[in-house]
Amino acid sequence: MRRALATVLFGVLLLAGCDRHPQTDGDRTVDTNNPLELTARERGIVRPDTASPTGVFERSHELGRDAMCVVPDGAGQWRFALSASFGPGLRCAARGTIVREGQGWRMRFADAEGCEALVHEEEDELRLPGSLPAQCQTICSAHASLSGLRLPRASWSEEDAKRLQVTDPRGNMIQPCGR
């Protein structure tokens, strides 16, 4: 009898736990009294709850370094600067704007009229499509392309994006998102 009562009690408690509602976005708040949490969010260590491309995407590899910074540029729009290396003399450099489009981001490249791409961020990695319009060829040196480029997210911080340094075509270090 005791065993049956214990089983029924366990079942009731188990079902009571099923009535919990999932946490909503309104329930998730930043503890403004917790300096550790605030610092982690400012430094981009903890992902903010907002859907924004702001931050740094970057990877180093045997042929060089690929990096992109993204900063806010008005309501619902961001600006970016991108540099990708494919070995000696082979690189791409681009600037432009980003806006939300469906589940992805529409990148419009400023220095190549008609060059735009719908990119996706999956598993904290920005993924450019496998093929880009012909107009995009002007942003890369001969035999280089941004098609299929994948950039892991390094930070969600606007400040990190503004401080990101890349090499310009003359070999000078610049902060393209720093203005």
C-alpha atoms as a PDB file:
ATOM      1  CA  MET A   1       0.000   0.000   0.000  1.00  0.00           C
ATOM      2  CA  ARG A   2       2.801   2.402   0.898  1.00  0.00           C
ATOM      3  CA  ARG A   3       4.556   1.584  -2.331  1.00  0.00           C
ATOM      4  CA  ALA A   4       1.411   2.333  -4.379  1.00  0.00           C
ATOM      5  CA  LEU A   5       0.900   5.621  -2.517  1.00  0.00           C
ATOM      6  CA  ALA A   6       4.524   6.606  -3.127  1.00  0.00           C
ATOM      7  CA  THR A   7       4.169   5.793  -6.837  1.00  0.00           C
ATOM      8  CA  VAL A   8       0.984   7.886  -7.125  1.00  0.00           C
ATOM      9  CA  LEU A   9       2.625  10.778  -5.249  1.00  0.00           C
ATOM     10  CA  PHE A  10       5.683  10.587  -7.527  1.00  0.00           C
ATOM     11  CA  GLY A  11       3.411  10.640 -10.600  1.00  0.00           C
ATOM     12  CA  VAL A  12       1.510  13.692  -9.323  1.00  0.00           C
ATOM     13  CA  LEU A  13       4.768  15.555  -8.659  1.00  0.00           C
ATOM     14  CA  LEU A  14       6.079  14.593 -12.082  1.00  0.00           C
ATOM     15  CA  LEU A  15       2.933  15.898 -13.795  1.00  0.00           C
ATOM     16  CA  ALA A  16       3.012  19.096 -11.737  1.00  0.00           C
ATOM     17  CA  GLY A  17       6.435  19.831 -13.213  1.00  0.00           C
ATOM     18  CA  CYS A  18       4.988  19.566 -16.719  1.00  0.00           C
ATOM     19  CA  ASP A  19       2.771  22.602 -16.151  1.00  0.00           C
ATOM     20  CA  ARG A  20       5.699  25.020 -16.191  1.00  0.00           C
ATOM     21  CA  HIS A  21       5.681  27.548 -18.971  1.00  0.00           C
ATOM     22  CA  PRO A  22       8.904  28.129 -20.921  1.00  0.00           C
ATOM     23  CA  GLN A  23      10.858  31.261 -20.115  1.00  0.00           C
ATOM     24  CA  THR A  24       9.864  34.118 -22.403  1.00  0.00           C
ATOM     25  CA  ASP A  25      12.107  36.867 -23.744  1.00  0.00           C
ATOM     26  CA  GLY A  26      10.496  39.219 -21.234  1.00  0.00           C
ATOM     27  CA  ASP A  27      11.685  36.949 -18.390  1.00  0.00           C
ATOM     28  CA  ARG A  28      15.291  37.114 -19.557  1.00  0.00           C
ATOM     29  CA  THR A  29      16.772  40.283 -18.176  1.00  0.00           C
ATOM     30  CA  VAL A  30      20.245  41.571 -17.578  1.00  0.00           C
ATOM     31  CA  ASP A  31      21.115  41.797 -13.904  1.00  0.00           C
ATOM     32  CA  THR A  32      22.282  45.421 -13.801  1.00  0.00           C
ATOM     33  CA  ASN A  33      23.658  44.859 -10.291  1.00  0.00           C
ATOM     34  CA  ASN A  34      26.008  42.145 -11.514  1.00  0.00           C
ATOM     35  CA  PRO A  35      29.217  43.772 -12.826  1.00  0.00           C
ATOM     36  CA  LEU A  36      30.507  40.416 -14.101  1.00  0.00           C
ATOM     37  CA  GLU A  37      27.478  39.929 -16.353  1.00  0.00           C
ATOM     38  CA  LEU A  38      27.607  43.524 -17.597  1.00  0.00           C
ATOM     39  CA  THR A  39      31.317  43.261 -18.398  1.00  0.00           C
ATOM     40  CA  ALA A  40      30.831  39.917 -20.158  1.00  0.00           C
ATOM     41  CA  ARG A  41      28.104  41.418 -22.338  1.00  0.00           C
ATOM     42  CA  GLU A  42      30.152  44.553 -23.093  1.00  0.00           C
ATOM     43  CA  ARG A  43      33.150  42.433 -24.100  1.00  0.00           C
ATOM     44  CA  GLY A  44      30.996  40.181 -26.266  1.00  0.00           C
ATOM     45  CA  ILE A  45      31.701  37.067 -24.204  1.00  0.00           C
ATOM     46  CA  VAL A  46      28.016  36.505 -23.428  1.00  0.00           C
ATOM     47  CA  ARG A  47      25.720  36.676 -26.413  1.00  0.00           C
ATOM     48  CA  PRO A  48      23.119  39.424 -26.098  1.00  0.00           C
ATOM     49  CA  ASP A  49      19.467  38.498 -26.486  1.00  0.00           C
ATOM     50  CA  THR A  50      19.004  40.768 -29.522  1.00  0.00           C
ATOM     51  CA  ALA A  51      19.255  39.516 -33.072  1.00  0.00           C
ATOM     52  CA  SER A  52      22.027  41.726 -34.422  1.00  0.00           C
ATOM     53  CA  PRO A  53      25.053  41.121 -36.629  1.00  0.00           C
ATOM     54  CA  THR A  54      27.085  43.639 -34.577  1.00  0.00           C
ATOM     55  CA  GLY A  55      30.549  42.383 -33.665  1.00  0.00           C
ATOM     56  CA  VAL A  56      33.603  40.710 -35.129  1.00  0.00           C
ATOM     57  CA  PHE A  57      33.807  37.654 -37.386  1.00  0.00           C
ATOM     58  CA  GLU A  58      37.339  36.364 -37.811  1.00  0.00           C
ATOM     59  CA  ARG A  59      39.569  33.396 -38.565  1.00  0.00           C
ATOM     60  CA  SER A  60      43.253  32.873 -39.207  1.00  0.00           C
ATOM     61  CA  HIS A  61      44.518  30.160 -41.538  1.00  0.00           C
ATOM     62  CA  GLU A  62      47.676  29.111 -43.336  1.00  0.00           C
ATOM     63  CA  LEU A  63      47.040  31.580 -46.188  1.00  0.00           C
ATOM     64  CA  GLY A  64      46.330  34.602 -43.989  1.00  0.00           C
ATOM     65  CA  ARG A  65      43.469  36.090 -42.032  1.00  0.00           C
ATOM     66  CA  ASP A  66      39.825  36.722 -42.838  1.00  0.00           C
ATOM     67  CA  ALA A  67      38.050  39.344 -40.733  1.00  0.00           C
ATOM     68  CA  MET A  68      34.843  41.330 -40.749  1.00  0.00           C
ATOM     69  CA  CYS A  69      33.583  44.028 -38.394  1.00  0.00           C
ATOM     70  CA  VAL A  70      29.921  45.057 -38.177  1.00  0.00           C
ATOM     71  CA  VAL A  71      28.616  48.171 -36.384  1.00  0.00           C
ATOM     72  CA  PRO A  72      25.174  49.813 -36.166  1.00  0.00           C
ATOM     73  CA  ASP A  73      24.402  52.401 -38.860  1.00  0.00           C
ATOM     74  CA  GLY A  74      20.881  53.622 -38.109  1.00  0.00           C
ATOM     75  CA  ALA A  75      17.647  51.879 -37.254  1.00  0.00           C
ATOM     76  CA  GLY A  76      17.628  48.304 -38.541  1.00  0.00           C
ATOM     77  CA  GLN A  77      20.828  48.748 -40.556  1.00  0.00           C
ATOM     78  CA  TRP A  78      24.497  48.039 -39.959  1.00  0.00           C
ATOM     79  CA  ARG A  79      27.693  48.766 -41.866  1.00  0.00           C
ATOM     80  CA  PHE A  80      30.523  46.314 -42.370  1.00  0.00           C
ATOM     81  CA  ALA A  81      34.097  46.065 -43.559  1.00  0.00           C
ATOM     82  CA  LEU A  82      35.503  42.750 -44.734  1.00  0.00           C
ATOM     83  CA  SER A  83      39.002  41.559 -45.574  1.00  0.00           C
ATOM     84  CA  ALA A  84      39.814  38.038 -46.763  1.00  0.00           C
ATOM     85  CA  SER A  85      43.234  36.598 -47.652  1.00  0.00           C
ATOM     86  CA  PHE A  86      43.851  33.727 -50.016  1.00  0.00           C
ATOM     87  CA  GLY A  87      47.651  33.817 -50.126  1.00  0.00           C
ATOM     88  CA  PRO A  88      50.241  36.286 -51.429  1.00  0.00           C
ATOM     89  CA  GLY A  89      48.586  38.855 -53.669  1.00  0.00           C
ATOM     90  CA  LEU A  90      45.166  37.215 -53.464  1.00  0.00           C
ATOM     91  CA  ARG A  91      42.720  39.101 -51.289  1.00  0.00           C
ATOM     92  CA  CYS A  92      39.264  40.606 -51.117  1.00  0.00           C
ATOM     93  CA  ALA A  93      38.392  43.871 -49.417  1.00  0.00           C
ATOM     94  CA  ALA A  94      34.850  45.188 -49.164  1.00  0.00           C
ATOM     95  CA  ARG A  95      32.615  47.604 -47.322  1.00  0.00           C
ATOM     96  CA  GLY A  96      28.879  47.975 -47.324  1.00  0.00           C
ATOM     97  CA  THR A  97      25.639  47.684 -45.412  1.00  0.00           C
ATOM     98  CA  ILE A  98      23.671  44.864 -43.850  1.00  0.00           C
ATOM     99  CA  VAL A  99      19.924  44.644 -43.208  1.00  0.00           C
ATOM    100  CA  ARG A 100      17.768  41.810 -41.846  1.00  0.00           C
ATOM    101  CA  GLU A 101      16.016  39.787 -44.533  1.00  0.00           C
ATOM    102  CA  GLY A 102      13.935  36.841 -43.376  1.00  0.00           C
ATOM    103  CA  GLN A 103      16.146  34.460 -41.416  1.00  0.00           C
ATOM    104  CA  GLY A 104      19.334  35.903 -42.899  1.00  0.00           C
ATOM    105  CA  TRP A 105      21.168  39.151 -43.542  1.00  0.00           C
ATOM    106  CA  ARG A 106      21.296  41.010 -46.862  1.00  0.00           C
ATOM    107  CA  MET A 107      24.828  42.320 -47.476  1.00  0.00           C
ATOM    108  CA  ARG A 108      25.159  45.094 -50.050  1.00  0.00           C
ATOM    109  CA  PHE A 109      28.714  45.805 -51.154  1.00  0.00           C
ATOM    110  CA  ALA A 110      29.376  49.539 -51.587  1.00  0.00           C
ATOM    111  CA  ASP A 111      32.274  49.351 -54.050  1.00  0.00           C
ATOM    112  CA  ALA A 112      30.596  46.956 -56.481  1.00  0.00           C
ATOM    113  CA  GLU A 113      27.250  48.134 -57.845  1.00  0.00           C
ATOM    114  CA  GLY A 114      24.751  45.275 -57.949  1.00  0.00           C
ATOM    115  CA  CYS A 115      26.843  43.070 -55.689  1.00  0.00           C
ATOM    116  CA  GLU A 116      24.773  41.773 -52.815  1.00  0.00           C
ATOM    117  CA  ALA A 117      24.323  38.486 -51.029  1.00  0.00           C
ATOM    118  CA  LEU A 118      21.966  36.893 -48.544  1.00  0.00           C
ATOM    119  CA  VAL A 119      24.130  35.466 -45.764  1.00  0.00           C
ATOM    120  CA  HIS A 120      23.210  33.329 -42.764  1.00  0.00           C
ATOM    121  CA  GLU A 121      24.639  33.010 -39.295  1.00  0.00           C
ATOM    122  CA  GLU A 122      24.615  29.381 -38.195  1.00  0.00           C
ATOM    123  CA  GLU A 123      26.291  28.086 -35.060  1.00  0.00           C
ATOM    124  CA  ASP A 124      27.980  31.476 -34.544  1.00  0.00           C
ATOM    125  CA  GLU A 125      29.481  31.404 -38.027  1.00  0.00           C
ATOM    126  CA  LEU A 126      28.599  33.815 -40.824  1.00  0.00           C
ATOM    127  CA  ARG A 127      28.197  31.919 -44.088  1.00  0.00           C
ATOM    128  CA  LEU A 128      28.284  33.563 -47.490  1.00  0.00           C
ATOM    129  CA  PRO A 129      26.572  31.730 -50.372  1.00  0.00           C
ATOM    130  CA  GLY A 130      28.525  29.397 -52.636  1.00  0.00           C
ATOM    131  CA  SER A 131      28.149  31.709 -55.613  1.00  0.00           C
ATOM    132  CA  LEU A 132      27.946  35.484 -55.837  1.00  0.00           C
ATOM    133  CA  PRO A 133      26.740  37.719 -58.687  1.00  0.00           C
ATOM    134  CA  ALA A 134      29.298  38.555 -61.391  1.00  0.00           C
ATOM    135  CA  GLN A 135      29.292  42.181 -60.169  1.00  0.00           C
ATOM    136  CA  CYS A 136      31.092  40.999 -57.017  1.00  0.00           C
ATOM    137  CA  GLN A 137      34.288  40.076 -58.900  1.00  0.00           C
ATOM    138  CA  THR A 138      35.606  43.633 -58.600  1.00  0.00           C
ATOM    139  CA  ILE A 139      35.998  43.414 -54.798  1.00  0.00           C
ATOM    140  CA  CYS A 140      38.636  40.682 -55.076  1.00  0.00           C
ATOM    141  CA  SER A 141      41.948  40.387 -56.871  1.00  0.00           C
ATOM    142  CA  ALA A 142      42.209  37.970 -59.795  1.00  0.00           C
ATOM    143  CA  HIS A 143      41.346  34.355 -58.970  1.00  0.00           C
ATOM    144  CA  ALA A 144      39.970  35.226 -55.502  1.00  0.00           C
ATOM    145  CA  SER A 145      36.321  35.224 -54.439  1.00  0.00           C
ATOM    146  CA  LEU A 146      34.193  35.598 -51.336  1.00  0.00           C
ATOM    147  CA  SER A 147      31.927  32.775 -52.537  1.00  0.00           C
ATOM    148  CA  GLY A 148      31.426  30.222 -49.790  1.00  0.00           C
ATOM    149  CA  LEU A 149      33.429  32.195 -47.223  1.00  0.00           C
ATOM    150  CA  ARG A 150      32.743  31.208 -43.614  1.00  0.00           C
ATOM    151  CA  LEU A 151      33.653  33.480 -40.746  1.00  0.00           C
ATOM    152  CA  PRO A 152      33.309  32.352 -37.124  1.00  0.00           C
ATOM    153  CA  ARG A 153      31.978  34.960 -34.724  1.00  0.00           C
ATOM    154  CA  ALA A 154      34.723  36.219 -32.429  1.00  0.00           C
ATOM    155  CA  SER A 155      32.684  38.852 -30.562  1.00  0.00           C
ATOM    156  CA  TRP A 156      29.246  40.427 -30.239  1.00  0.00           C
ATOM    157  CA  SER A 157      30.779  43.699 -29.042  1.00  0.00           C
ATOM    158  CA  GLU A 158      30.433  46.958 -30.976  1.00  0.00           C
ATOM    159  CA  GLU A 159      33.588  48.243 -29.281  1.00  0.00           C
ATOM    160  CA  ASP A 160      35.568  45.203 -30.478  1.00  0.00           C
ATOM    161  CA  ALA A 161      34.215  45.795 -33.992  1.00  0.00           C
ATOM    162  CA  LYS A 162      35.365  49.426 -33.899  1.00  0.00           C
ATOM    163  CA  ARG A 163      38.848  48.361 -32.737  1.00  0.00           C
ATOM    164  CA  LEU A 164      39.317  45.569 -35.298  1.00  0.00           C
ATOM    165  CA  GLN A 165      42.438  46.199 -37.372  1.00  0.00           C
ATOM    166  CA  VAL A 166      43.004  44.962 -40.902  1.00  0.00           C
ATOM    167  CA  THR A 167      45.669  45.674 -43.497  1.00  0.00           C
ATOM    168  CA  ASP A 168      44.714  47.980 -46.365  1.00  0.00           C
ATOM    169  CA  PRO A 169      45.996  47.360 -49.938  1.00  0.00           C
ATOM    170  CA  ARG A 170      49.136  49.457 -49.217  1.00  0.00           C
ATOM    171  CA  GLY A 171      49.999  47.417 -46.120  1.00  0.00           C
ATOM    172  CA  ASN A 172      48.839  49.981 -43.536  1.00  0.00           C
ATOM    173  CA  MET A 173      46.881  48.869 -40.461  1.00  0.00           C
ATOM    174  CA  ILE A 174      43.449  50.513 -40.367  1.00  0.00           C
ATOM    175  CA  GLN A 175      40.300  50.279 -38.226  1.00  0.00           C
ATOM    176  CA  PRO A 176      37.613  50.227 -40.934  1.00  0.00           C
ATOM    177  CA  CYS A 177      34.651  50.220 -38.512  1.00  0.00           C
ATOM    178  CA  GLY A 178      36.265  52.683 -36.089  1.00  0.00           C
ATOM    179  CA  ARG A 179      34.723  55.902 -37.294  1.00  0.00           C
END
